[in-house]
PDB file of all heavy atoms in Angstrom:
ATOM      1  N   THR A   1      87.106  90.176 100.139  1.00  0.00           N
ATOM      2  CA  THR A   1      88.226  90.880 100.745  1.00  0.00           C
ATOM      3  C   THR A   1      89.274  91.098  99.673  1.00  0.00           C
ATOM      4  O   THR A   1      89.479  90.245  98.819  1.00  0.00           O
ATOM      5  CB  THR A   1      88.833  90.033 101.890  1.00  0.00           C
ATOM      6  OG1 THR A   1      87.816  89.797 102.865  1.00  0.00           O
ATOM      7  CG2 THR A   1      89.994  90.737 102.544  1.00  0.00           C
ATOM      8  N   ALA A   2      89.934  92.239  99.730  1.00  0.00           N
ATOM      9  CA  ALA A   2      91.013  92.530  98.804  1.00  0.00           C
ATOM     10  C   ALA A   2      92.261  92.870  99.599  1.00  0.00           C
ATOM     11  O   ALA A   2      92.198  93.608 100.583  1.00  0.00           O
ATOM     12  CB  ALA A   2      90.646  93.688  97.893  1.00  0.00           C
ATOM     13  N   ILE A   3      93.391  92.303  99.200  1.00  0.00           N
ATOM     14  CA  ILE A   3      94.672  92.636  99.810  1.00  0.00           C
ATOM     15  C   ILE A   3      95.239  93.806  99.011  1.00  0.00           C
ATOM     16  O   ILE A   3      95.444  93.696  97.805  1.00  0.00           O
ATOM     17  CB  ILE A   3      95.644  91.435  99.768  1.00  0.00           C
ATOM     18  CG1 ILE A   3      94.998  90.187 100.383  1.00  0.00           C
ATOM     19  CG2 ILE A   3      96.959  91.782 100.451  1.00  0.00           C
ATOM     20  CD1 ILE A   3      94.564  90.327 101.818  1.00  0.00           C
ATOM     21  N   VAL A   4      95.457  94.926  99.701  1.00  0.00           N
ATOM     22  CA  VAL A   4      95.933  96.134  99.020  1.00  0.00           C
ATOM     23  C   VAL A   4      97.443  96.270  99.186  1.00  0.00           C
ATOM     24  O   VAL A   4      98.019  95.748 100.137  1.00  0.00           O
ATOM     25  CB  VAL A   4      95.214  97.401  99.528  1.00  0.00           C
ATOM     26  CG1 VAL A   4      93.719  97.312  99.265  1.00  0.00           C
ATOM     27  CG2 VAL A   4      95.486  97.646 100.984  1.00  0.00           C
ATOM     28  N   PRO A   5      98.090  96.973  98.271  1.00  0.00           N
ATOM     29  CA  PRO A   5      99.540  97.149  98.353  1.00  0.00           C
ATOM     30  C   PRO A   5      99.960  97.903  99.620  1.00  0.00           C
ATOM     31  O   PRO A   5      99.206  98.725 100.150  1.00  0.00           O
ATOM     32  CB  PRO A   5      99.874  97.986  97.119  1.00  0.00           C
ATOM     33  CG  PRO A   5      98.733  97.807  96.191  1.00  0.00           C
ATOM     34  CD  PRO A   5      97.536  97.578  97.057  1.00  0.00           C
ATOM     35  N   ASP A   6     101.155  97.614 100.073  1.00  0.00           N
ATOM     36  CA  ASP A   6     101.701  98.278 101.253  1.00  0.00           C
ATOM     37  C   ASP A   6     101.708  99.791 101.075  1.00  0.00           C
ATOM     38  O   ASP A   6     101.421 100.539 102.013  1.00  0.00           O
ATOM     39  CB  ASP A   6     103.132  97.799 101.526  1.00  0.00           C
ATOM     40  CG  ASP A   6     103.214  96.300 101.771  1.00  0.00           C
ATOM     41  OD1 ASP A   6     102.194  95.706 102.171  1.00  0.00           O
ATOM     42  OD2 ASP A   6     104.293  95.735 101.554  1.00  0.00           O
ATOM     43  N   GLN A   7     102.023 100.255  99.878  1.00  0.00           N
ATOM     44  CA  GLN A   7     102.108 101.686  99.603  1.00  0.00           C
ATOM     45  C   GLN A   7     100.754 102.369  99.821  1.00  0.00           C
ATOM     46  O   GLN A   7     100.695 103.496 100.307  1.00  0.00           O
ATOM     47  CB  GLN A   7     102.581 101.936  98.161  1.00  0.00           C
ATOM     48  CG  GLN A   7     103.989 101.472  97.883  1.00  0.00           C
ATOM     49  CD  GLN A   7     104.099  99.981  97.554  1.00  0.00           C
ATOM     50  OE1 GLN A   7     103.168  99.205  97.730  1.00  0.00           O
ATOM     51  NE2 GLN A   7     105.261  99.576  97.084  1.00  0.00           N
ATOM     52  N   VAL A   8      99.673 101.705  99.493  1.00  0.00           N
ATOM     53  CA  VAL A   8      98.332 102.268  99.668  1.00  0.00           C
ATOM     54  C   VAL A   8      97.943 102.243 101.140  1.00  0.00           C
ATOM     55  O   VAL A   8      97.403 103.217 101.668  1.00  0.00           O
ATOM     56  CB  VAL A   8      97.296 101.495  98.822  1.00  0.00           C
ATOM     57  CG1 VAL A   8      95.887 101.996  99.085  1.00  0.00           C
ATOM     58  CG2 VAL A   8      97.637 101.603  97.345  1.00  0.00           C
ATOM     59  N   ALA A   9      98.229 101.141 101.820  1.00  0.00           N
ATOM     60  CA  ALA A   9      97.892 101.026 103.242  1.00  0.00           C
ATOM     61  C   ALA A   9      98.582 102.106 104.067  1.00  0.00           C
ATOM     62  O   ALA A   9      98.009 102.622 105.029  1.00  0.00           O
ATOM     63  CB  ALA A   9      98.272  99.639 103.758  1.00  0.00           C
ATOM     64  N   GLU A  10      99.780 102.486 103.676  1.00  0.00           N
ATOM     65  CA  GLU A  10     100.543 103.481 104.431  1.00  0.00           C
ATOM     66  C   GLU A  10     100.065 104.908 104.168  1.00  0.00           C
ATOM     67  O   GLU A  10     100.298 105.793 104.992  1.00  0.00           O
ATOM     68  CB  GLU A  10     102.028 103.364 104.079  1.00  0.00           C
ATOM     69  CG  GLU A  10     102.641 102.077 104.583  1.00  0.00           C
ATOM     70  CD  GLU A  10     104.011 101.789 103.970  1.00  0.00           C
ATOM     71  OE1 GLU A  10     104.515 102.610 103.178  1.00  0.00           O
ATOM     72  OE2 GLU A  10     104.566 100.728 104.290  1.00  0.00           O
ATOM     73  N   ASP A  11      99.410 105.168 103.048  1.00  0.00           N
ATOM     74  CA  ASP A  11      98.973 106.519 102.706  1.00  0.00           C
ATOM     75  C   ASP A  11      97.551 106.493 102.143  1.00  0.00           C
ATOM     76  O   ASP A  11      97.303 106.878 101.009  1.00  0.00           O
ATOM     77  CB  ASP A  11      99.939 107.147 101.694  1.00  0.00           C
ATOM     78  CG  ASP A  11      99.600 108.597 101.389  1.00  0.00           C
ATOM     79  OD1 ASP A  11      98.908 109.245 102.210  1.00  0.00           O
ATOM     80  OD2 ASP A  11     100.008 109.084 100.314  1.00  0.00           O
ATOM     81  N   GLN A  12      96.601 106.046 102.957  1.00  0.00           N
ATOM     82  CA  GLN A  12      95.220 105.909 102.495  1.00  0.00           C
ATOM     83  C   GLN A  12      94.614 107.249 102.083  1.00  0.00           C
ATOM     84  O   GLN A  12      93.929 107.337 101.072  1.00  0.00           O
ATOM     85  CB  GLN A  12      94.370 105.270 103.589  1.00  0.00           C
ATOM     86  CG  GLN A  12      94.774 103.849 103.888  1.00  0.00           C
ATOM     87  CD  GLN A  12      93.994 103.247 105.034  1.00  0.00           C
ATOM     88  OE1 GLN A  12      92.823 103.553 105.223  1.00  0.00           O
ATOM     89  NE2 GLN A  12      94.643 102.393 105.818  1.00  0.00           N
ATOM     90  N   ARG A  13      94.874 108.293 102.835  1.00  0.00           N
ATOM     91  CA  ARG A  13      94.327 109.616 102.499  1.00  0.00           C
ATOM     92  C   ARG A  13      94.847 110.100 101.148  1.00  0.00           C
ATOM     93  O   ARG A  13      94.106 110.635 100.337  1.00  0.00           O
ATOM     94  CB  ARG A  13      94.664 110.632 103.576  1.00  0.00           C
ATOM     95  CG  ARG A  13      93.822 110.477 104.804  1.00  0.00           C
ATOM     96  CD  ARG A  13      94.187 111.512 105.847  1.00  0.00           C
ATOM     97  NE  ARG A  13      93.438 111.255 107.061  1.00  0.00           N
ATOM     98  CZ  ARG A  13      92.717 112.169 107.674  1.00  0.00           C
ATOM     99  NH1 ARG A  13      92.663 113.385 107.212  1.00  0.00           N
ATOM    100  NH2 ARG A  13      92.064 111.849 108.761  1.00  0.00           N
ATOM    101  N   GLY A  14      96.132 109.938 100.934  1.00  0.00           N
ATOM    102  CA  GLY A  14      96.730 110.375  99.669  1.00  0.00           C
ATOM    103  C   GLY A  14      96.118 109.670  98.481  1.00  0.00           C
ATOM    104  O   GLY A  14      95.827 110.287  97.450  1.00  0.00           O
ATOM    105  N   TRP A  15      95.899 108.367  98.604  1.00  0.00           N
ATOM    106  CA  TRP A  15      95.309 107.595  97.507  1.00  0.00           C
ATOM    107  C   TRP A  15      93.843 107.940  97.317  1.00  0.00           C
ATOM    108  O   TRP A  15      93.338 107.968  96.203  1.00  0.00           O
ATOM    109  CB  TRP A  15      95.494 106.097  97.750  1.00  0.00           C
ATOM    110  CG  TRP A  15      96.885 105.657  97.442  1.00  0.00           C
ATOM    111  CD1 TRP A  15      97.955 105.646  98.292  1.00  0.00           C
ATOM    112  CD2 TRP A  15      97.380 105.212  96.179  1.00  0.00           C
ATOM    113  NE1 TRP A  15      99.074 105.214  97.630  1.00  0.00           N
ATOM    114  CE2 TRP A  15      98.749 104.938  96.333  1.00  0.00           C
ATOM    115  CE3 TRP A  15      96.797 105.019  94.931  1.00  0.00           C
ATOM    116  CZ2 TRP A  15      99.537 104.476  95.290  1.00  0.00           C
ATOM    117  CZ3 TRP A  15      97.580 104.550  93.895  1.00  0.00           C
ATOM    118  CH2 TRP A  15      98.933 104.289  94.082  1.00  0.00           C
ATOM    119  N   ASP A  16      93.128 108.212  98.412  1.00  0.00           N
ATOM    120  CA  ASP A  16      91.721 108.587  98.292  1.00  0.00           C
ATOM    121  C   ASP A  16      91.594 109.947  97.615  1.00  0.00           C
ATOM    122  O   ASP A  16      90.771 110.129  96.721  1.00  0.00           O
ATOM    123  CB  ASP A  16      91.067 108.619  99.674  1.00  0.00           C
ATOM    124  CG  ASP A  16      89.581 108.900  99.603  1.00  0.00           C
ATOM    125  OD1 ASP A  16      88.892 108.253  98.792  1.00  0.00           O
ATOM    126  OD2 ASP A  16      89.109 109.772 100.354  1.00  0.00           O
ATOM    127  N   GLU A  17      92.421 110.898  98.013  1.00  0.00           N
ATOM    128  CA  GLU A  17      92.358 112.245  97.440  1.00  0.00           C
ATOM    129  C   GLU A  17      92.762 112.260  95.963  1.00  0.00           C
ATOM    130  O   GLU A  17      92.206 113.009  95.175  1.00  0.00           O
ATOM    131  CB  GLU A  17      93.237 113.195  98.244  1.00  0.00           C
ATOM    132  CG  GLU A  17      92.683 113.471  99.630  1.00  0.00           C
ATOM    133  CD  GLU A  17      93.649 114.198 100.539  1.00  0.00           C
ATOM    134  OE1 GLU A  17      94.788 114.490 100.115  1.00  0.00           O
ATOM    135  OE2 GLU A  17      93.273 114.457 101.691  1.00  0.00           O
ATOM    136  N   SER A  18      93.724 111.424  95.597  1.00  0.00           N
ATOM    137  CA  SER A  18      94.183 111.405  94.204  1.00  0.00           C
ATOM    138  C   SER A  18      93.195 110.700  93.285  1.00  0.00           C
ATOM    139  O   SER A  18      93.142 110.988  92.085  1.00  0.00           O
ATOM    140  CB  SER A  18      95.546 110.716  94.095  1.00  0.00           C
ATOM    141  OG  SER A  18      95.413 109.307  94.249  1.00  0.00           O
ATOM    142  N   GLY A  19      92.424 109.756  93.822  1.00  0.00           N
ATOM    143  CA  GLY A  19      91.479 109.002  93.003  1.00  0.00           C
ATOM    144  C   GLY A  19      92.143 107.988  92.087  1.00  0.00           C
ATOM    145  O   GLY A  19      91.496 107.399  91.228  1.00  0.00           O
ATOM    146  N   LYS A  20      93.440 107.772  92.265  1.00  0.00           N
ATOM    147  CA  LYS A  20      94.167 106.821  91.413  1.00  0.00           C
ATOM    148  C   LYS A  20      93.770 105.389  91.742  1.00  0.00           C
ATOM    149  O   LYS A  20      93.495 105.045  92.889  1.00  0.00           O
ATOM    150  CB  LYS A  20      95.674 106.974  91.614  1.00  0.00           C
ATOM    151  CG  LYS A  20      96.229 108.269  91.084  1.00  0.00           C
ATOM    152  CD  LYS A  20      97.722 108.305  91.284  1.00  0.00           C
ATOM    153  CE  LYS A  20      98.320 109.602  90.776  1.00  0.00           C
ATOM    154  NZ  LYS A  20      99.761 109.656  91.027  1.00  0.00           N
ATOM    155  N   SER A  21      93.783 104.557  90.714  1.00  0.00           N
ATOM    156  CA  SER A  21      93.496 103.135  90.923  1.00  0.00           C
ATOM    157  C   SER A  21      94.801 102.372  91.086  1.00  0.00           C
ATOM    158  O   SER A  21      95.873 102.864  90.740  1.00  0.00           O
ATOM    159  CB  SER A  21      92.694 102.572  89.751  1.00  0.00           C
ATOM    160  OG  SER A  21      93.458 102.592  88.572  1.00  0.00           O
ATOM    161  N   PHE A  22      94.688 101.168  91.617  1.00  0.00           N
ATOM    162  CA  PHE A  22      95.850 100.324  91.875  1.00  0.00           C
ATOM    163  C   PHE A  22      95.416  98.858  91.846  1.00  0.00           C
ATOM    164  O   PHE A  22      94.232  98.557  92.008  1.00  0.00           O
ATOM    165  CB  PHE A  22      96.484 100.677  93.232  1.00  0.00           C
ATOM    166  CG  PHE A  22      95.504 100.679  94.372  1.00  0.00           C
ATOM    167  CD1 PHE A  22      95.254  99.522  95.101  1.00  0.00           C
ATOM    168  CD2 PHE A  22      94.815 101.836  94.708  1.00  0.00           C
ATOM    169  CE1 PHE A  22      94.346  99.526  96.136  1.00  0.00           C
ATOM    170  CE2 PHE A  22      93.903 101.854  95.749  1.00  0.00           C
ATOM    171  CZ  PHE A  22      93.669 100.695  96.467  1.00  0.00           C
ATOM    172  N   PRO A  23      96.357  97.933  91.652  1.00  0.00           N
ATOM    173  CA  PRO A  23      96.001  96.517  91.645  1.00  0.00           C
ATOM    174  C   PRO A  23      95.884  95.975  93.070  1.00  0.00           C
ATOM    175  O   PRO A  23      96.680  96.314  93.935  1.00  0.00           O
ATOM    176  CB  PRO A  23      97.164  95.857  90.912  1.00  0.00           C
ATOM    177  CG  PRO A  23      98.319  96.761  91.154  1.00  0.00           C
ATOM    178  CD  PRO A  23      97.754  98.146  91.273  1.00  0.00           C
ATOM    179  N   ALA A  24      94.872  95.173  93.298  1.00  0.00           N
ATOM    180  CA  ALA A  24      94.688  94.505  94.585  1.00  0.00           C
ATOM    181  C   ALA A  24      94.488  93.015  94.315  1.00  0.00           C
ATOM    182  O   ALA A  24      94.126  92.621  93.203  1.00  0.00           O
ATOM    183  CB  ALA A  24      93.486  95.073  95.322  1.00  0.00           C
ATOM    184  N   ILE A  25      94.718  92.210  95.316  1.00  0.00           N
ATOM    185  CA  ILE A  25      94.532  90.761  95.194  1.00  0.00           C
ATOM    186  C   ILE A  25      93.207  90.409  95.847  1.00  0.00           C
ATOM    187  O   ILE A  25      93.015  90.647  97.042  1.00  0.00           O
ATOM    188  CB  ILE A  25      95.691  89.996  95.858  1.00  0.00           C
ATOM    189  CG1 ILE A  25      97.009  90.401  95.199  1.00  0.00           C
ATOM    190  CG2 ILE A  25      95.454  88.497  95.764  1.00  0.00           C
ATOM    191  CD1 ILE A  25      98.234  89.917  95.937  1.00  0.00           C
ATOM    192  N   ARG A  26      92.293  89.874  95.067  1.00  0.00           N
ATOM    193  CA  ARG A  26      90.958  89.546  95.560  1.00  0.00           C
ATOM    194  C   ARG A  26      90.956  88.173  96.210  1.00  0.00           C
ATOM    195  O   ARG A  26      91.501  87.212  95.680  1.00  0.00           O
ATOM    196  CB  ARG A  26      89.974  89.572  94.407  1.00  0.00           C
ATOM    197  CG  ARG A  26      88.566  89.326  94.825  1.00  0.00           C
ATOM    198  CD  ARG A  26      87.663  89.417  93.635  1.00  0.00           C
ATOM    199  NE  ARG A  26      86.326  88.999  94.021  1.00  0.00           N
ATOM    200  CZ  ARG A  26      85.252  89.248  93.320  1.00  0.00           C
ATOM    201  NH1 ARG A  26      85.357  89.900  92.187  1.00  0.00           N
ATOM    202  NH2 ARG A  26      84.085  88.849  93.729  1.00  0.00           N
ATOM    203  N   ALA A  27      90.307  88.095  97.368  1.00  0.00           N
ATOM    204  CA  ALA A  27      90.185  86.831  98.083  1.00  0.00           C
ATOM    205  C   ALA A  27      88.754  86.688  98.573  1.00  0.00           C
ATOM    206  O   ALA A  27      88.042  87.673  98.722  1.00  0.00           O
ATOM    207  CB  ALA A  27      91.143  86.784  99.265  1.00  0.00           C
ATOM    208  N   GLY A  28      88.333  85.468  98.840  1.00  0.00           N
ATOM    209  CA  GLY A  28      87.001  85.215  99.367  1.00  0.00           C
ATOM    210  C   GLY A  28      87.074  85.047 100.874  1.00  0.00           C
ATOM    211  O   GLY A  28      87.926  85.626 101.540  1.00  0.00           O
ATOM    212  N   ALA A  29      86.206  84.228 101.405  1.00  0.00           N
ATOM    213  CA  ALA A  29      86.173  83.989 102.848  1.00  0.00           C
ATOM    214  C   ALA A  29      87.475  83.352 103.327  1.00  0.00           C
ATOM    215  O   ALA A  29      88.023  82.471 102.675  1.00  0.00           O
ATOM    216  CB  ALA A  29      84.998  83.085 103.194  1.00  0.00           C
ATOM    217  N   PHE A  30      87.973  83.828 104.406  1.00  0.00           N
ATOM    218  CA  PHE A  30      89.190  83.314 105.035  1.00  0.00           C
ATOM    219  C   PHE A  30      90.399  83.362 104.112  1.00  0.00           C
ATOM    220  O   PHE A  30      91.312  82.564 104.196  1.00  0.00           O
ATOM    221  CB  PHE A  30      88.987  81.881 105.553  1.00  0.00           C
ATOM    222  CG  PHE A  30      87.780  81.737 106.412  1.00  0.00           C
ATOM    223  CD1 PHE A  30      86.664  81.060 105.963  1.00  0.00           C
ATOM    224  CD2 PHE A  30      87.738  82.319 107.668  1.00  0.00           C
ATOM    225  CE1 PHE A  30      85.529  80.946 106.758  1.00  0.00           C
ATOM    226  CE2 PHE A  30      86.612  82.217 108.464  1.00  0.00           C
ATOM    227  CZ  PHE A  30      85.495  81.522 108.010  1.00  0.00           C
ATOM    228  N   GLY A  31      90.409  84.315 103.183  1.00  0.00           N
ATOM    229  CA  GLY A  31      91.548  84.496 102.298  1.00  0.00           C
ATOM    230  C   GLY A  31      91.628  83.537 101.136  1.00  0.00           C
ATOM    231  O   GLY A  31      92.579  83.559 100.376  1.00  0.00           O
TER     232      GLY A  31
END
């Protein structure tokens, strides 16, 4: 599981269309 930034969660289509990468926080089972 990855925790994504608030900015990405709010505009998923925009980030998908742009193809830009961003930092996420990686977690395993149960965070």
